[in-house]
């Protein structure tokens, strides 16, 4: 979508796009994750999936650089984070190569089923968690799958957030880990999208326009997060994952 097409859009469409950016930023500020979960499906409905993935690849990078720096001292196991992040980066490159060419409906339905099973399991057994030892064994496959989903469809949450949620990391460690994952993954995804001509100069300009409202929404979300308990944070992540499952199902049958 070029600049002329954007300028010719109706005010209602632009207002919805702005609302999507604001809501995505607020969710990101509150939980440390979720901006693409909110923003990509809405922008995809308004424009197309390649446009949405391109926009949020840049916004995701900028927001996660900030959170990676802010929470860097809250992540005790740097090796775990690096393996998770670089596996995600490899997956994002592979997923970007497959963007818009994957017959992804069966994959989306499968991932939605996995996420719904996990959410239901956590609600019935709230004290269960994946051990750190098991997490170390699964970190590379989880990162690779998360990156693949991010590159191909702009949503890594069914793999990345589900995996970290299962570990029941404290909120600061969770945000520091997932932010580093998205940050490093985006550093590889963005050049790949540019080489494939999916990410173009006009997308960078659009991101420049979106950056201020997106940043203000993140700031507002961070303010609200100070009043969020650990229990409420865990429930917010489960609610976010449930929303992801619903979005995957709706996209697969659209």
C-alpha atoms as a PDB file:
ATOM      1  CA  UNK A   1       0.000   0.000   0.000  1.00  0.00           C
ATOM      2  CA  UNK A   2       1.595   3.295  -1.106  1.00  0.00           C
ATOM      3  CA  UNK A   3       1.291   6.807   0.332  1.00  0.00           C
ATOM      4  CA  UNK A   4      -1.367   7.878  -2.148  1.00  0.00           C
ATOM      5  CA  UNK A   5      -3.608   4.993  -1.147  1.00  0.00           C
ATOM      6  CA  UNK A   6      -3.140   5.850   2.531  1.00  0.00           C
ATOM      7  CA  UNK A   7      -4.084   9.496   1.937  1.00  0.00           C
ATOM      8  CA  UNK A   8      -7.226   8.437   0.093  1.00  0.00           C
ATOM      9  CA  UNK A   9      -8.476   6.320   2.960  1.00  0.00           C
ATOM     10  CA  UNK A  10     -11.612   7.368   4.780  1.00  0.00           C
ATOM     11  CA  UNK A  11     -11.279   9.087   8.159  1.00  0.00           C
ATOM     12  CA  UNK A  12     -13.052   6.151   9.808  1.00  0.00           C
ATOM     13  CA  UNK A  13     -10.419   3.704   8.544  1.00  0.00           C
ATOM     14  CA  UNK A  14      -7.577   5.928   9.746  1.00  0.00           C
ATOM     15  CA  UNK A  15      -9.284   6.306  13.139  1.00  0.00           C
ATOM     16  CA  UNK A  16      -9.532   2.529  13.495  1.00  0.00           C
ATOM     17  CA  UNK A  17      -5.863   2.167  12.543  1.00  0.00           C
ATOM     18  CA  UNK A  18      -4.897   4.781  15.154  1.00  0.00           C
ATOM     19  CA  UNK A  19      -7.024   3.022  17.776  1.00  0.00           C
ATOM     20  CA  UNK A  20      -5.249  -0.245  16.941  1.00  0.00           C
ATOM     21  CA  UNK A  21      -1.850   1.411  17.435  1.00  0.00           C
ATOM     22  CA  UNK A  22      -2.941   2.938  20.769  1.00  0.00           C
ATOM     23  CA  UNK A  23      -4.440  -0.294  22.076  1.00  0.00           C
ATOM     24  CA  UNK A  24      -1.394  -2.295  20.968  1.00  0.00           C
ATOM     25  CA  UNK A  25       0.913   0.118  22.776  1.00  0.00           C
ATOM     26  CA  UNK A  26      -1.194   0.076  25.954  1.00  0.00           C
ATOM     27  CA  UNK A  27      -1.214  -3.738  26.068  1.00  0.00           C
ATOM     28  CA  UNK A  28       2.540  -3.767  25.473  1.00  0.00           C
ATOM     29  CA  UNK A  29       3.122  -1.310  28.313  1.00  0.00           C
ATOM     30  CA  UNK A  30       0.878  -3.189  30.726  1.00  0.00           C
ATOM     31  CA  UNK A  31       2.013  -6.768  30.118  1.00  0.00           C
ATOM     32  CA  UNK A  32       5.327  -6.336  28.267  1.00  0.00           C
ATOM     33  CA  UNK A  33       3.937  -8.248  25.276  1.00  0.00           C
ATOM     34  CA  UNK A  34       0.993  -8.316  22.935  1.00  0.00           C
ATOM     35  CA  UNK A  35       1.440  -5.361  20.581  1.00  0.00           C
ATOM     36  CA  UNK A  36       1.405  -7.520  17.404  1.00  0.00           C
ATOM     37  CA  UNK A  37      -1.376  -9.688  18.869  1.00  0.00           C
ATOM     38  CA  UNK A  38      -3.611  -6.616  19.003  1.00  0.00           C
ATOM     39  CA  UNK A  39      -2.291  -4.561  16.112  1.00  0.00           C
ATOM     40  CA  UNK A  40      -1.498  -7.056  13.346  1.00  0.00           C
ATOM     41  CA  UNK A  41      -5.004  -8.586  12.996  1.00  0.00           C
ATOM     42  CA  UNK A  42      -6.679  -5.164  12.941  1.00  0.00           C
ATOM     43  CA  UNK A  43      -4.253  -3.680  10.385  1.00  0.00           C
ATOM     44  CA  UNK A  44      -4.526  -6.887   8.349  1.00  0.00           C
ATOM     45  CA  UNK A  45      -8.301  -6.441   8.205  1.00  0.00           C
ATOM     46  CA  UNK A  46      -7.887  -2.795   7.153  1.00  0.00           C
ATOM     47  CA  UNK A  47      -4.998  -3.259   4.700  1.00  0.00           C
ATOM     48  CA  UNK A  48      -3.249  -6.641   4.253  1.00  0.00           C
ATOM     49  CA  UNK A  49      -1.060  -9.005   6.253  1.00  0.00           C
ATOM     50  CA  UNK A  50       2.222  -7.979   4.592  1.00  0.00           C
ATOM     51  CA  UNK A  51       1.529  -4.310   5.440  1.00  0.00           C
ATOM     52  CA  UNK A  52       0.643  -5.159   9.051  1.00  0.00           C
ATOM     53  CA  UNK A  53       3.706  -7.370   9.573  1.00  0.00           C
ATOM     54  CA  UNK A  54       5.988  -4.709   8.067  1.00  0.00           C
ATOM     55  CA  UNK A  55       4.622  -1.932  10.317  1.00  0.00           C
ATOM     56  CA  UNK A  56       4.822  -3.933  13.521  1.00  0.00           C
ATOM     57  CA  UNK A  57       8.262  -5.329  12.730  1.00  0.00           C
ATOM     58  CA  UNK A  58       9.595  -1.788  13.210  1.00  0.00           C
ATOM     59  CA  UNK A  59       7.340  -0.765  16.111  1.00  0.00           C
ATOM     60  CA  UNK A  60       8.136  -4.053  17.843  1.00  0.00           C
ATOM     61  CA  UNK A  61      11.870  -3.484  17.498  1.00  0.00           C
ATOM     62  CA  UNK A  62      11.758   0.027  18.942  1.00  0.00           C
ATOM     63  CA  UNK A  63       9.533  -0.840  21.891  1.00  0.00           C
ATOM     64  CA  UNK A  64      11.481  -3.973  22.738  1.00  0.00           C
ATOM     65  CA  UNK A  65      14.838  -2.206  22.644  1.00  0.00           C
ATOM     66  CA  UNK A  66      13.483   0.025  25.408  1.00  0.00           C
ATOM     67  CA  UNK A  67      12.133  -2.866  27.484  1.00  0.00           C
ATOM     68  CA  UNK A  68      15.271  -4.966  26.957  1.00  0.00           C
ATOM     69  CA  UNK A  69      17.417  -2.172  28.368  1.00  0.00           C
ATOM     70  CA  UNK A  70      14.990  -1.388  31.196  1.00  0.00           C
ATOM     71  CA  UNK A  71      14.689  -5.002  32.412  1.00  0.00           C
ATOM     72  CA  UNK A  72      18.176  -6.274  31.542  1.00  0.00           C
ATOM     73  CA  UNK A  73      19.152  -6.659  35.220  1.00  0.00           C
ATOM     74  CA  UNK A  74      16.023  -8.734  35.938  1.00  0.00           C
ATOM     75  CA  UNK A  75      17.094 -11.633  33.722  1.00  0.00           C
ATOM     76  CA  UNK A  76      19.471 -13.946  35.635  1.00  0.00           C
ATOM     77  CA  UNK A  77      20.027 -16.566  32.904  1.00  0.00           C
ATOM     78  CA  UNK A  78      21.460 -14.678  29.926  1.00  0.00           C
ATOM     79  CA  UNK A  79      22.342 -17.914  28.083  1.00  0.00           C
ATOM     80  CA  UNK A  80      18.688 -19.002  28.149  1.00  0.00           C
ATOM     81  CA  UNK A  81      17.584 -15.650  26.724  1.00  0.00           C
ATOM     82  CA  UNK A  82      20.195 -15.654  23.951  1.00  0.00           C
ATOM     83  CA  UNK A  83      19.343 -19.197  22.842  1.00  0.00           C
ATOM     84  CA  UNK A  84      15.646 -18.338  22.852  1.00  0.00           C
ATOM     85  CA  UNK A  85      16.199 -15.096  20.937  1.00  0.00           C
ATOM     86  CA  UNK A  86      18.587 -16.366  18.258  1.00  0.00           C
ATOM     87  CA  UNK A  87      16.423 -19.432  17.631  1.00  0.00           C
ATOM     88  CA  UNK A  88      13.564 -16.961  17.174  1.00  0.00           C
ATOM     89  CA  UNK A  89      15.673 -14.925  14.757  1.00  0.00           C
ATOM     90  CA  UNK A  90      16.338 -17.990  12.590  1.00  0.00           C
ATOM     91  CA  UNK A  91      12.652 -18.841  12.661  1.00  0.00           C
ATOM     92  CA  UNK A  92      11.699 -15.278  11.704  1.00  0.00           C
ATOM     93  CA  UNK A  93      13.953 -15.409   8.630  1.00  0.00           C
ATOM     94  CA  UNK A  94      12.405 -18.697   7.519  1.00  0.00           C
ATOM     95  CA  UNK A  95       8.902 -17.419   8.260  1.00  0.00           C
ATOM     96  CA  UNK A  96       9.509 -14.211   6.297  1.00  0.00           C
ATOM     97  CA  UNK A  97      10.509 -16.269   3.275  1.00  0.00           C
ATOM     98  CA  UNK A  98       7.175 -18.077   3.538  1.00  0.00           C
ATOM     99  CA  UNK A  99       5.076 -14.945   4.191  1.00  0.00           C
ATOM    100  CA  UNK A 100       1.955 -14.799   2.012  1.00  0.00           C
ATOM    101  CA  UNK A 101       2.738 -18.196   0.449  1.00  0.00           C
ATOM    102  CA  UNK A 102       1.903 -20.552   3.313  1.00  0.00           C
ATOM    103  CA  UNK A 103      -1.384 -22.470   3.339  1.00  0.00           C
ATOM    104  CA  UNK A 104      -1.616 -21.502   6.993  1.00  0.00           C
ATOM    105  CA  UNK A 105      -5.232 -22.284   7.954  1.00  0.00           C
ATOM    106  CA  UNK A 106      -4.453 -25.797   9.299  1.00  0.00           C
ATOM    107  CA  UNK A 107      -1.435 -24.450  11.210  1.00  0.00           C
ATOM    108  CA  UNK A 108      -3.507 -21.637  12.729  1.00  0.00           C
ATOM    109  CA  UNK A 109      -6.232 -24.030  13.864  1.00  0.00           C
ATOM    110  CA  UNK A 110      -3.659 -26.397  15.354  1.00  0.00           C
ATOM    111  CA  UNK A 111      -1.902 -23.606  17.253  1.00  0.00           C
ATOM    112  CA  UNK A 112      -5.248 -22.226  18.447  1.00  0.00           C
ATOM    113  CA  UNK A 113      -6.111 -25.663  19.816  1.00  0.00           C
ATOM    114  CA  UNK A 114      -2.776 -25.895  21.621  1.00  0.00           C
ATOM    115  CA  UNK A 115      -3.211 -22.444  23.156  1.00  0.00           C
ATOM    116  CA  UNK A 116      -6.794 -23.128  24.263  1.00  0.00           C
ATOM    117  CA  UNK A 117      -5.717 -26.415  25.823  1.00  0.00           C
ATOM    118  CA  UNK A 118      -2.927 -24.651  27.704  1.00  0.00           C
ATOM    119  CA  UNK A 119      -5.230 -21.850  28.944  1.00  0.00           C
ATOM    120  CA  UNK A 120      -7.809 -24.378  30.112  1.00  0.00           C
ATOM    121  CA  UNK A 121      -5.144 -26.478  31.781  1.00  0.00           C
ATOM    122  CA  UNK A 122      -3.712 -23.455  33.624  1.00  0.00           C
ATOM    123  CA  UNK A 123      -7.159 -22.388  34.828  1.00  0.00           C
ATOM    124  CA  UNK A 124      -7.860 -25.850  36.256  1.00  0.00           C
ATOM    125  CA  UNK A 125      -4.328 -26.370  37.605  1.00  0.00           C
ATOM    126  CA  UNK A 126      -3.079 -22.845  38.411  1.00  0.00           C
ATOM    127  CA  UNK A 127      -0.068 -24.039  40.418  1.00  0.00           C
ATOM    128  CA  UNK A 128       1.418 -26.156  37.610  1.00  0.00           C
ATOM    129  CA  UNK A 129       4.503 -24.860  35.868  1.00  0.00           C
ATOM    130  CA  UNK A 130       7.198 -26.043  33.499  1.00  0.00           C
ATOM    131  CA  UNK A 131      10.467 -26.647  35.362  1.00  0.00           C
ATOM    132  CA  UNK A 132      13.557 -24.622  34.528  1.00  0.00           C
ATOM    133  CA  UNK A 133      15.313 -27.835  33.491  1.00  0.00           C
ATOM    134  CA  UNK A 134      12.556 -28.665  31.011  1.00  0.00           C
ATOM    135  CA  UNK A 135      12.585 -25.058  29.835  1.00  0.00           C
ATOM    136  CA  UNK A 136      16.301 -25.326  29.052  1.00  0.00           C
ATOM    137  CA  UNK A 137      15.630 -28.404  26.913  1.00  0.00           C
ATOM    138  CA  UNK A 138      12.724 -26.797  25.048  1.00  0.00           C
ATOM    139  CA  UNK A 139      14.032 -23.247  24.668  1.00  0.00           C
ATOM    140  CA  UNK A 140      15.466 -23.628  21.144  1.00  0.00           C
ATOM    141  CA  UNK A 141      12.436 -25.439  19.617  1.00  0.00           C
ATOM    142  CA  UNK A 142      10.095 -22.932  21.300  1.00  0.00           C
ATOM    143  CA  UNK A 143      12.130 -19.983  20.033  1.00  0.00           C
ATOM    144  CA  UNK A 144      12.357 -21.414  16.520  1.00  0.00           C
ATOM    145  CA  UNK A 145       8.611 -22.028  16.329  1.00  0.00           C
ATOM    146  CA  UNK A 146       7.851 -18.589  17.769  1.00  0.00           C
ATOM    147  CA  UNK A 147      10.085 -16.922  15.195  1.00  0.00           C
ATOM    148  CA  UNK A 148       8.574 -18.938  12.358  1.00  0.00           C
ATOM    149  CA  UNK A 149       5.061 -17.855  13.345  1.00  0.00           C
ATOM    150  CA  UNK A 150       6.195 -14.249  13.762  1.00  0.00           C
ATOM    151  CA  UNK A 151       7.844 -14.125  10.359  1.00  0.00           C
ATOM    152  CA  UNK A 152       5.027 -15.834   8.492  1.00  0.00           C
ATOM    153  CA  UNK A 153       2.033 -14.226  10.164  1.00  0.00           C
ATOM    154  CA  UNK A 154       3.173 -11.578  12.634  1.00  0.00           C
ATOM    155  CA  UNK A 155       2.087 -13.571  15.719  1.00  0.00           C
ATOM    156  CA  UNK A 156       4.638 -15.539  17.730  1.00  0.00           C
ATOM    157  CA  UNK A 157       2.505 -15.637  20.898  1.00  0.00           C
ATOM    158  CA  UNK A 158       1.138 -19.203  20.472  1.00  0.00           C
ATOM    159  CA  UNK A 159       4.698 -20.469  20.913  1.00  0.00           C
ATOM    160  CA  UNK A 160       6.757 -17.755  22.648  1.00  0.00           C
ATOM    161  CA  UNK A 161       4.320 -16.393  25.235  1.00  0.00           C
ATOM    162  CA  UNK A 162       2.796 -19.811  25.950  1.00  0.00           C
ATOM    163  CA  UNK A 163       6.289 -21.195  26.586  1.00  0.00           C
ATOM    164  CA  UNK A 164       7.347 -18.400  28.951  1.00  0.00           C
ATOM    165  CA  UNK A 165       3.968 -18.390  30.692  1.00  0.00           C
ATOM    166  CA  UNK A 166       4.388 -22.103  31.410  1.00  0.00           C
ATOM    167  CA  UNK A 167       7.653 -21.319  33.203  1.00  0.00           C
ATOM    168  CA  UNK A 168       5.783 -18.874  35.496  1.00  0.00           C
ATOM    169  CA  UNK A 169       8.578 -16.321  35.363  1.00  0.00           C
ATOM    170  CA  UNK A 170       8.265 -13.264  37.614  1.00  0.00           C
ATOM    171  CA  UNK A 171       6.884 -10.259  35.711  1.00  0.00           C
ATOM    172  CA  UNK A 172      10.237  -8.382  35.372  1.00  0.00           C
ATOM    173  CA  UNK A 173      12.067 -11.509  34.172  1.00  0.00           C
ATOM    174  CA  UNK A 174       9.202 -12.371  31.823  1.00  0.00           C
ATOM    175  CA  UNK A 175       9.259  -8.904  30.236  1.00  0.00           C
ATOM    176  CA  UNK A 176      13.056  -8.829  30.015  1.00  0.00           C
ATOM    177  CA  UNK A 177      13.160 -12.258  28.371  1.00  0.00           C
ATOM    178  CA  UNK A 178      10.351 -11.747  25.857  1.00  0.00           C
ATOM    179  CA  UNK A 179      11.597  -8.258  24.978  1.00  0.00           C
ATOM    180  CA  UNK A 180      15.087  -9.543  24.186  1.00  0.00           C
ATOM    181  CA  UNK A 181      13.480 -12.322  22.127  1.00  0.00           C
ATOM    182  CA  UNK A 182      11.479  -9.847  20.038  1.00  0.00           C
ATOM    183  CA  UNK A 183      14.335  -7.352  19.831  1.00  0.00           C
ATOM    184  CA  UNK A 184      16.922  -9.770  18.419  1.00  0.00           C
ATOM    185  CA  UNK A 185      14.321 -11.474  16.233  1.00  0.00           C
ATOM    186  CA  UNK A 186      13.297  -8.117  14.736  1.00  0.00           C
ATOM    187  CA  UNK A 187      16.916  -7.238  13.956  1.00  0.00           C
ATOM    188  CA  UNK A 188      16.982 -10.239  11.613  1.00  0.00           C
ATOM    189  CA  UNK A 189      13.381 -10.059  10.414  1.00  0.00           C
ATOM    190  CA  UNK A 190      13.490  -6.423   9.264  1.00  0.00           C
ATOM    191  CA  UNK A 191      16.401  -6.799   6.771  1.00  0.00           C
ATOM    192  CA  UNK A 192      14.799 -10.003   5.460  1.00  0.00           C
ATOM    193  CA  UNK A 193      11.492  -8.204   4.872  1.00  0.00           C
ATOM    194  CA  UNK A 194      13.369  -5.372   3.145  1.00  0.00           C
ATOM    195  CA  UNK A 195      15.240  -7.745   0.820  1.00  0.00           C
ATOM    196  CA  UNK A 196      11.941  -9.429  -0.054  1.00  0.00           C
ATOM    197  CA  UNK A 197      10.433  -5.979  -0.778  1.00  0.00           C
ATOM    198  CA  UNK A 198       7.756  -6.517   1.861  1.00  0.00           C
ATOM    199  CA  UNK A 199       9.151  -3.720   4.025  1.00  0.00           C
ATOM    200  CA  UNK A 200       9.477  -0.489   2.017  1.00  0.00           C
ATOM    201  CA  UNK A 201      10.478   3.108   2.668  1.00  0.00           C
ATOM    202  CA  UNK A 202       6.859   4.225   3.037  1.00  0.00           C
ATOM    203  CA  UNK A 203       6.411   1.722   5.878  1.00  0.00           C
ATOM    204  CA  UNK A 204       9.237   3.441   7.737  1.00  0.00           C
ATOM    205  CA  UNK A 205       7.471   6.779   7.229  1.00  0.00           C
ATOM    206  CA  UNK A 206       4.177   5.349   8.528  1.00  0.00           C
ATOM    207  CA  UNK A 207       5.991   4.023  11.589  1.00  0.00           C
ATOM    208  CA  UNK A 208       7.411   7.493  12.176  1.00  0.00           C
ATOM    209  CA  UNK A 209       3.858   8.851  12.281  1.00  0.00           C
ATOM    210  CA  UNK A 210       2.691   6.017  14.555  1.00  0.00           C
ATOM    211  CA  UNK A 211       5.637   6.178  16.933  1.00  0.00           C
ATOM    212  CA  UNK A 212       4.393   9.043  19.137  1.00  0.00           C
ATOM    213  CA  UNK A 213       0.912   7.625  19.869  1.00  0.00           C
ATOM    214  CA  UNK A 214       2.394   4.131  20.207  1.00  0.00           C
ATOM    215  CA  UNK A 215       5.024   5.367  22.664  1.00  0.00           C
ATOM    216  CA  UNK A 216       2.508   7.371  24.709  1.00  0.00           C
ATOM    217  CA  UNK A 217       0.240   4.333  24.941  1.00  0.00           C
ATOM    218  CA  UNK A 218       3.162   2.184  26.162  1.00  0.00           C
ATOM    219  CA  UNK A 219       3.943   4.829  28.797  1.00  0.00           C
ATOM    220  CA  UNK A 220       0.315   4.831  29.965  1.00  0.00           C
ATOM    221  CA  UNK A 221       0.306   1.035  30.114  1.00  0.00           C
ATOM    222  CA  UNK A 222       3.487   0.993  32.200  1.00  0.00           C
ATOM    223  CA  UNK A 223       1.880   3.406  34.671  1.00  0.00           C
ATOM    224  CA  UNK A 224      -1.148   1.137  35.007  1.00  0.00           C
ATOM    225  CA  UNK A 225       1.065  -1.958  35.400  1.00  0.00           C
ATOM    226  CA  UNK A 226       2.373  -0.639  38.736  1.00  0.00           C
ATOM    227  CA  UNK A 227      -1.004  -1.495  40.236  1.00  0.00           C
ATOM    228  CA  UNK A 228      -1.089  -5.009  38.728  1.00  0.00           C
ATOM    229  CA  UNK A 229      -0.369  -7.877  41.146  1.00  0.00           C
ATOM    230  CA  UNK A 230       1.511 -11.009  40.133  1.00  0.00           C
ATOM    231  CA  UNK A 231      -1.725 -13.006  40.120  1.00  0.00           C
ATOM    232  CA  UNK A 232      -3.485 -10.432  37.962  1.00  0.00           C
ATOM    233  CA  UNK A 233      -0.480 -10.340  35.629  1.00  0.00           C
ATOM    234  CA  UNK A 234      -0.664 -14.125  35.162  1.00  0.00           C
ATOM    235  CA  UNK A 235      -4.392 -13.890  34.440  1.00  0.00           C
ATOM    236  CA  UNK A 236      -3.763 -11.054  31.967  1.00  0.00           C
ATOM    237  CA  UNK A 237      -1.314 -13.248  30.063  1.00  0.00           C
ATOM    238  CA  UNK A 238      -3.862 -16.084  29.947  1.00  0.00           C
ATOM    239  CA  UNK A 239      -6.517 -13.655  28.695  1.00  0.00           C
ATOM    240  CA  UNK A 240      -4.093 -12.438  26.032  1.00  0.00           C
ATOM    241  CA  UNK A 241      -3.416 -16.021  24.956  1.00  0.00           C
ATOM    242  CA  UNK A 242      -7.141 -16.717  24.774  1.00  0.00           C
ATOM    243  CA  UNK A 243      -7.513 -13.670  22.517  1.00  0.00           C
ATOM    244  CA  UNK A 244      -4.680 -15.043  20.362  1.00  0.00           C
ATOM    245  CA  UNK A 245      -6.506 -18.359  19.971  1.00  0.00           C
ATOM    246  CA  UNK A 246      -9.724 -16.597  18.946  1.00  0.00           C
ATOM    247  CA  UNK A 247      -7.816 -14.498  16.405  1.00  0.00           C
ATOM    248  CA  UNK A 248      -6.114 -17.561  14.970  1.00  0.00           C
ATOM    249  CA  UNK A 249      -9.440 -19.333  14.553  1.00  0.00           C
ATOM    250  CA  UNK A 250     -11.078 -16.289  12.949  1.00  0.00           C
ATOM    251  CA  UNK A 251      -8.144 -15.834  10.544  1.00  0.00           C
ATOM    252  CA  UNK A 252      -8.133 -19.500   9.596  1.00  0.00           C
ATOM    253  CA  UNK A 253     -11.812 -19.536   8.611  1.00  0.00           C
ATOM    254  CA  UNK A 254     -11.910 -16.066   7.006  1.00  0.00           C
END
